[in-house]
Amino acid sequence: MKKGNNLKFYRSNKYLTQKQVADYLKVPVGTYGNWEQGTNEADYRSLILLSKFYGVSINQLLGEKEENLIILSKEQYNQLVQAYNLMSKVMKNIRKPTSIEIKNQVIIGDNNSNNNNNINNG
């Protein structure tokens, strides 16, 4: 069952045993093993704990695809916000050229162009 495969996948990625995860959740190791095998389903409280522990959504634990969802840690989110704010400040300070500046610009073509080193003075 897909649910079991995802639980095992996330547990294996952390190099944990079923017993270690079961101890963390305070459930018998057999109960956790049944969840991984898909014999039984985990309770909501355990899904929340596993979601936070692995840094994934409950839907990801259950095998549902979330194509438009990106999961970030709090630190990653803060870094992304800082980068966005910095880019916003930089973009505000970039002056857009006036139409006169564009009209009087120097045009330099590539080697295959007939317009090499032409100056466009309007």
N, C-alpha and C. Protein backbone atom coordinates (compact mmCIF):
# COMPACT_ATOMS: atom_id res chain seq x y z
N MET A 1 0.83 -1.18 0.00
CA MET A 1 0.00 0.00 0.00
C MET A 1 0.88 1.25 0.00
N LYS A 2 0.47 2.27 -0.70
CA LYS A 2 1.27 3.49 -0.86
C LYS A 2 1.61 4.14 0.49
N LYS A 3 0.66 4.14 1.42
CA LYS A 3 0.89 4.78 2.71
C LYS A 3 2.09 4.16 3.41
N GLY A 4 2.13 2.84 3.44
CA GLY A 4 3.23 2.14 4.09
C GLY A 4 4.55 2.46 3.43
N ASN A 5 4.58 2.50 2.12
CA ASN A 5 5.81 2.79 1.41
C ASN A 5 6.34 4.17 1.76
N ASN A 6 5.46 5.17 1.88
CA ASN A 6 5.93 6.50 2.21
C ASN A 6 6.45 6.58 3.64
N LEU A 7 5.80 5.95 4.56
CA LEU A 7 6.29 5.95 5.94
C LEU A 7 7.67 5.31 5.99
N LYS A 8 7.82 4.19 5.32
CA LYS A 8 9.12 3.52 5.30
C LYS A 8 10.16 4.37 4.59
N PHE A 9 9.77 5.01 3.50
CA PHE A 9 10.67 5.86 2.74
C PHE A 9 11.24 6.98 3.62
N TYR A 10 10.36 7.70 4.30
CA TYR A 10 10.82 8.82 5.13
C TYR A 10 11.63 8.33 6.33
N ARG A 11 11.23 7.21 6.90
CA ARG A 11 11.99 6.64 8.03
C ARG A 11 13.38 6.22 7.57
N SER A 12 13.45 5.55 6.43
CA SER A 12 14.73 5.08 5.90
C SER A 12 15.66 6.24 5.56
N ASN A 13 15.10 7.33 5.06
CA ASN A 13 15.93 8.49 4.73
C ASN A 13 16.59 9.10 5.96
N LYS A 14 16.01 8.88 7.11
CA LYS A 14 16.60 9.38 8.37
C LYS A 14 17.44 8.31 9.06
N TYR A 15 17.57 7.14 8.41
CA TYR A 15 18.34 6.01 8.95
C TYR A 15 17.85 5.59 10.34
N LEU A 16 16.54 5.52 10.46
CA LEU A 16 15.93 5.14 11.74
C LEU A 16 15.33 3.75 11.63
N THR A 17 15.23 3.09 12.77
CA THR A 17 14.55 1.79 12.82
C THR A 17 13.07 2.02 13.13
N GLN A 18 12.27 1.00 12.89
CA GLN A 18 10.85 1.10 13.25
C GLN A 18 10.71 1.33 14.74
N LYS A 19 11.55 0.69 15.54
CA LYS A 19 11.48 0.84 16.99
C LYS A 19 11.76 2.28 17.41
N GLN A 20 12.72 2.93 16.78
CA GLN A 20 13.03 4.31 17.14
C GLN A 20 11.85 5.24 16.84
N VAL A 21 11.22 5.04 15.69
CA VAL A 21 10.08 5.88 15.33
C VAL A 21 8.90 5.56 16.25
N ALA A 22 8.68 4.28 16.52
CA ALA A 22 7.59 3.88 17.41
C ALA A 22 7.79 4.47 18.81
N ASP A 23 9.02 4.45 19.30
CA ASP A 23 9.31 5.04 20.61
C ASP A 23 9.03 6.55 20.59
N TYR A 24 9.40 7.22 19.52
CA TYR A 24 9.14 8.65 19.39
C TYR A 24 7.64 8.94 19.44
N LEU A 25 6.86 8.07 18.77
CA LEU A 25 5.41 8.26 18.72
C LEU A 25 4.70 7.71 19.96
N LYS A 26 5.45 6.95 20.78
CA LYS A 26 4.89 6.31 21.98
C LYS A 26 3.79 5.30 21.60
N VAL A 27 4.12 4.48 20.58
CA VAL A 27 3.22 3.40 20.16
C VAL A 27 4.04 2.12 20.10
N PRO A 28 3.39 0.96 20.22
CA PRO A 28 4.14 -0.30 20.09
C PRO A 28 4.77 -0.42 18.70
N VAL A 29 5.93 -1.05 18.63
CA VAL A 29 6.64 -1.20 17.36
C VAL A 29 5.79 -1.99 16.36
N GLY A 30 4.99 -2.93 16.82
CA GLY A 30 4.11 -3.70 15.93
C GLY A 30 3.05 -2.81 15.29
N THR A 31 2.55 -1.87 16.06
CA THR A 31 1.56 -0.93 15.53
C THR A 31 2.18 -0.10 14.41
N TYR A 32 3.37 0.43 14.68
CA TYR A 32 4.04 1.23 13.65
C TYR A 32 4.34 0.37 12.42
N GLY A 33 4.79 -0.85 12.63
CA GLY A 33 5.07 -1.76 11.52
C GLY A 33 3.84 -1.99 10.66
N ASN A 34 2.69 -2.12 11.30
CA ASN A 34 1.44 -2.29 10.54
C ASN A 34 1.12 -1.05 9.71
N TRP A 35 1.45 0.12 10.21
CA TRP A 35 1.23 1.34 9.44
C TRP A 35 2.11 1.34 8.19
N GLU A 36 3.37 0.97 8.38
CA GLU A 36 4.29 0.93 7.23
C GLU A 36 3.84 -0.09 6.19
N GLN A 37 3.33 -1.22 6.65
CA GLN A 37 2.89 -2.27 5.72
C GLN A 37 1.53 -1.95 5.10
N GLY A 38 0.83 -0.99 5.66
CA GLY A 38 -0.48 -0.62 5.15
C GLY A 38 -1.59 -1.49 5.68
N THR A 39 -1.28 -2.31 6.68
CA THR A 39 -2.31 -3.17 7.29
C THR A 39 -3.31 -2.33 8.06
N ASN A 40 -2.80 -1.35 8.81
CA ASN A 40 -3.64 -0.41 9.56
C ASN A 40 -3.21 1.01 9.21
N GLU A 41 -4.07 1.96 9.52
CA GLU A 41 -3.75 3.36 9.27
C GLU A 41 -3.37 4.06 10.57
N ALA A 42 -2.42 4.97 10.46
CA ALA A 42 -1.98 5.74 11.62
C ALA A 42 -3.08 6.70 12.06
N ASP A 43 -3.12 6.96 13.36
CA ASP A 43 -4.09 7.93 13.88
C ASP A 43 -3.62 9.35 13.54
N TYR A 44 -4.52 10.29 13.64
CA TYR A 44 -4.25 11.67 13.23
C TYR A 44 -3.12 12.29 14.04
N ARG A 45 -3.10 12.08 15.33
CA ARG A 45 -2.05 12.62 16.19
C ARG A 45 -0.68 12.14 15.74
N SER A 46 -0.56 10.87 15.43
CA SER A 46 0.71 10.31 14.97
C SER A 46 1.10 10.87 13.61
N LEU A 47 0.12 11.06 12.73
CA LEU A 47 0.42 11.65 11.43
C LEU A 47 0.96 13.07 11.57
N ILE A 48 0.39 13.83 12.48
CA ILE A 48 0.87 15.20 12.72
C ILE A 48 2.31 15.17 13.23
N LEU A 49 2.57 14.30 14.20
CA LEU A 49 3.93 14.18 14.74
C LEU A 49 4.93 13.76 13.65
N LEU A 50 4.55 12.77 12.85
CA LEU A 50 5.44 12.31 11.77
C LEU A 50 5.66 13.39 10.73
N SER A 51 4.61 14.13 10.43
CA SER A 51 4.71 15.21 9.46
C SER A 51 5.72 16.26 9.91
N LYS A 52 5.62 16.66 11.16
CA LYS A 52 6.56 17.64 11.70
C LYS A 52 7.97 17.07 11.80
N PHE A 53 8.06 15.82 12.21
CA PHE A 53 9.36 15.16 12.39
C PHE A 53 10.12 15.04 11.07
N TYR A 54 9.42 14.63 10.01
CA TYR A 54 10.06 14.44 8.71
C TYR A 54 10.09 15.72 7.86
N GLY A 55 9.33 16.73 8.28
CA GLY A 55 9.30 17.98 7.51
C GLY A 55 8.54 17.86 6.21
N VAL A 56 7.49 17.04 6.22
CA VAL A 56 6.66 16.86 5.03
C VAL A 56 5.20 17.02 5.44
N SER A 57 4.33 17.15 4.46
CA SER A 57 2.91 17.29 4.77
C SER A 57 2.31 15.91 5.06
N ILE A 58 1.17 15.92 5.70
CA ILE A 58 0.46 14.66 5.95
C ILE A 58 0.08 14.02 4.62
N ASN A 59 -0.30 14.84 3.65
CA ASN A 59 -0.64 14.30 2.33
C ASN A 59 0.55 13.56 1.71
N GLN A 60 1.75 14.08 1.91
CA GLN A 60 2.92 13.40 1.39
C GLN A 60 3.15 12.08 2.12
N LEU A 61 2.92 12.06 3.42
CA LEU A 61 3.03 10.81 4.17
C LEU A 61 2.04 9.77 3.65
N LEU A 62 0.86 10.24 3.27
CA LEU A 62 -0.19 9.34 2.80
C LEU A 62 -0.08 9.02 1.31
N GLY A 63 0.89 9.62 0.64
CA GLY A 63 1.13 9.29 -0.76
C GLY A 63 0.36 10.12 -1.76
N GLU A 64 -0.27 11.19 -1.32
CA GLU A 64 -1.00 12.05 -2.25
C GLU A 64 -0.03 13.04 -2.86
N LYS A 65 -0.18 13.30 -4.15
CA LYS A 65 0.71 14.22 -4.85
C LYS A 65 0.25 15.65 -4.64
N GLU A 66 1.22 16.51 -4.41
CA GLU A 66 0.97 17.94 -4.26
C GLU A 66 1.92 18.66 -5.20
N GLU A 67 1.55 18.70 -6.47
CA GLU A 67 2.44 19.22 -7.49
C GLU A 67 2.76 20.69 -7.33
N ASN A 68 1.86 21.47 -6.77
CA ASN A 68 2.08 22.91 -6.65
C ASN A 68 2.49 23.33 -5.25
N LEU A 69 2.94 22.40 -4.45
CA LEU A 69 3.28 22.69 -3.06
C LEU A 69 4.77 22.50 -2.85
N ILE A 70 5.39 23.49 -2.24
CA ILE A 70 6.79 23.40 -1.88
C ILE A 70 6.86 23.49 -0.36
N ILE A 71 7.46 22.52 0.26
CA ILE A 71 7.59 22.51 1.71
C ILE A 71 8.96 23.08 2.08
N LEU A 72 8.96 24.11 2.91
CA LEU A 72 10.19 24.74 3.36
C LEU A 72 10.27 24.69 4.88
N SER A 73 11.49 24.56 5.36
CA SER A 73 11.67 24.70 6.81
C SER A 73 11.51 26.18 7.16
N LYS A 74 11.38 26.46 8.43
CA LYS A 74 11.24 27.86 8.87
C LYS A 74 12.47 28.66 8.46
N GLU A 75 13.65 28.05 8.58
CA GLU A 75 14.89 28.73 8.21
C GLU A 75 14.93 29.00 6.70
N GLN A 76 14.54 28.02 5.89
CA GLN A 76 14.50 28.22 4.44
C GLN A 76 13.51 29.31 4.06
N TYR A 77 12.36 29.31 4.72
CA TYR A 77 11.35 30.34 4.46
C TYR A 77 11.90 31.73 4.78
N ASN A 78 12.56 31.86 5.93
CA ASN A 78 13.12 33.16 6.34
C ASN A 78 14.18 33.63 5.35
N GLN A 79 15.02 32.70 4.86
CA GLN A 79 16.04 33.05 3.88
C GLN A 79 15.39 33.50 2.57
N LEU A 80 14.33 32.83 2.18
CA LEU A 80 13.62 33.20 0.95
C LEU A 80 13.00 34.59 1.08
N VAL A 81 12.42 34.90 2.23
CA VAL A 81 11.83 36.22 2.46
C VAL A 81 12.92 37.29 2.44
N GLN A 82 14.06 37.02 3.07
CA GLN A 82 15.15 37.99 3.06
C GLN A 82 15.65 38.24 1.63
N ALA A 83 15.79 37.19 0.85
CA ALA A 83 16.25 37.34 -0.53
C ALA A 83 15.24 38.14 -1.35
N TYR A 84 13.96 37.87 -1.14
CA TYR A 84 12.91 38.60 -1.86
C TYR A 84 12.94 40.09 -1.49
N ASN A 85 13.06 40.38 -0.19
CA ASN A 85 13.10 41.78 0.25
C ASN A 85 14.31 42.50 -0.32
N LEU A 86 15.46 41.83 -0.33
CA LEU A 86 16.66 42.43 -0.90
C LEU A 86 16.48 42.70 -2.38
N MET A 87 15.94 41.73 -3.12
CA MET A 87 15.71 41.92 -4.56
C MET A 87 14.72 43.06 -4.80
N SER A 88 13.72 43.18 -3.97
CA SER A 88 12.75 44.27 -4.13
C SER A 88 13.43 45.62 -3.97
N LYS A 89 14.33 45.75 -2.99
CA LYS A 89 15.06 47.01 -2.79
C LYS A 89 15.95 47.30 -3.98
N VAL A 90 16.64 46.28 -4.48
CA VAL A 90 17.53 46.45 -5.63
C VAL A 90 16.72 46.90 -6.84
N MET A 91 15.60 46.27 -7.08
CA MET A 91 14.78 46.59 -8.25
C MET A 91 14.22 48.01 -8.16
N LYS A 92 13.92 48.50 -6.97
CA LYS A 92 13.41 49.86 -6.81
C LYS A 92 14.48 50.89 -7.16
N ASN A 93 15.75 50.52 -6.96
CA ASN A 93 16.85 51.46 -7.21
C ASN A 93 17.34 51.44 -8.65
N ILE A 94 16.84 50.53 -9.45
CA ILE A 94 17.24 50.49 -10.85
C ILE A 94 16.43 51.52 -11.61
N ARG A 95 17.14 52.45 -12.23
CA ARG A 95 16.49 53.51 -12.97
C ARG A 95 16.19 53.03 -14.38
N LYS A 96 14.98 53.21 -14.83
CA LYS A 96 14.61 52.85 -16.19
C LYS A 96 15.08 53.94 -17.13
N PRO A 97 15.67 53.57 -18.29
CA PRO A 97 16.13 54.59 -19.23
C PRO A 97 14.95 55.34 -19.86
N THR A 98 15.19 56.60 -20.16
CA THR A 98 14.15 57.40 -20.84
C THR A 98 14.16 57.04 -22.32
N SER A 99 13.13 57.46 -23.03
CA SER A 99 13.05 57.17 -24.46
C SER A 99 14.18 57.86 -25.22
N ILE A 100 14.66 59.03 -24.74
CA ILE A 100 15.76 59.73 -25.41
C ILE A 100 17.05 58.93 -25.26
N GLU A 101 17.28 58.38 -24.07
CA GLU A 101 18.48 57.57 -23.86
C GLU A 101 18.46 56.32 -24.74
N ILE A 102 17.31 55.72 -24.89
CA ILE A 102 17.19 54.53 -25.73
C ILE A 102 17.45 54.91 -27.19
N LYS A 103 16.93 56.05 -27.62
CA LYS A 103 17.07 56.49 -29.02
C LYS A 103 18.53 56.78 -29.35
N ASN A 104 19.31 57.28 -28.42
CA ASN A 104 20.70 57.66 -28.66
C ASN A 104 21.71 56.60 -28.26
N GLN A 105 21.28 55.37 -28.07
CA GLN A 105 22.21 54.34 -27.63
C GLN A 105 23.11 53.86 -28.77
N VAL A 106 24.23 53.30 -28.40
CA VAL A 106 25.17 52.74 -29.36
C VAL A 106 24.74 51.32 -29.65
N ILE A 107 24.65 50.96 -30.92
CA ILE A 107 24.25 49.62 -31.32
C ILE A 107 25.49 48.91 -31.84
N ILE A 108 25.84 47.83 -31.25
CA ILE A 108 26.99 47.03 -31.68
C ILE A 108 26.47 45.65 -32.04
N GLY A 109 26.62 45.26 -33.30
CA GLY A 109 26.13 43.97 -33.76
C GLY A 109 27.19 42.89 -33.63
N ASP A 110 26.80 41.65 -33.92
CA ASP A 110 27.77 40.57 -33.91
C ASP A 110 28.52 40.54 -35.23
N ASN A 111 29.44 39.63 -35.38
CA ASN A 111 30.29 39.58 -36.58
C ASN A 111 29.50 39.31 -37.86
N ASN A 112 28.35 38.71 -37.76
CA ASN A 112 27.54 38.39 -38.94
C ASN A 112 26.57 39.49 -39.31
N SER A 113 26.55 40.56 -38.54
CA SER A 113 25.57 41.62 -38.74
C SER A 113 26.10 42.69 -39.68
N ASN A 114 25.23 43.28 -40.47
CA ASN A 114 25.59 44.39 -41.33
C ASN A 114 25.60 45.71 -40.56
N ASN A 115 25.14 45.70 -39.32
CA ASN A 115 25.02 46.93 -38.53
C ASN A 115 26.16 47.07 -37.53
N ASN A 116 27.30 46.44 -37.75
CA ASN A 116 28.40 46.51 -36.78
C ASN A 116 28.83 47.96 -36.54
N ASN A 117 28.97 48.27 -35.26
CA ASN A 117 29.50 49.55 -34.81
C ASN A 117 28.75 50.76 -35.34
N ASN A 118 27.47 50.62 -35.58
CA ASN A 118 26.65 51.76 -35.99
C ASN A 118 26.22 52.56 -34.79
N ILE A 119 26.19 53.86 -34.93
CA ILE A 119 25.68 54.70 -33.87
C ILE A 119 24.35 55.26 -34.36
N ASN A 120 23.33 55.07 -33.54
CA ASN A 120 21.99 55.48 -33.93
C ASN A 120 21.71 56.82 -33.27
N ASN A 121 21.78 57.91 -34.02
CA ASN A 121 21.56 59.24 -33.46
C ASN A 121 20.19 59.80 -33.78
N GLY A 122 19.28 58.99 -34.18
CA GLY A 122 17.91 59.39 -34.31
C GLY A 122 17.58 59.99 -35.58
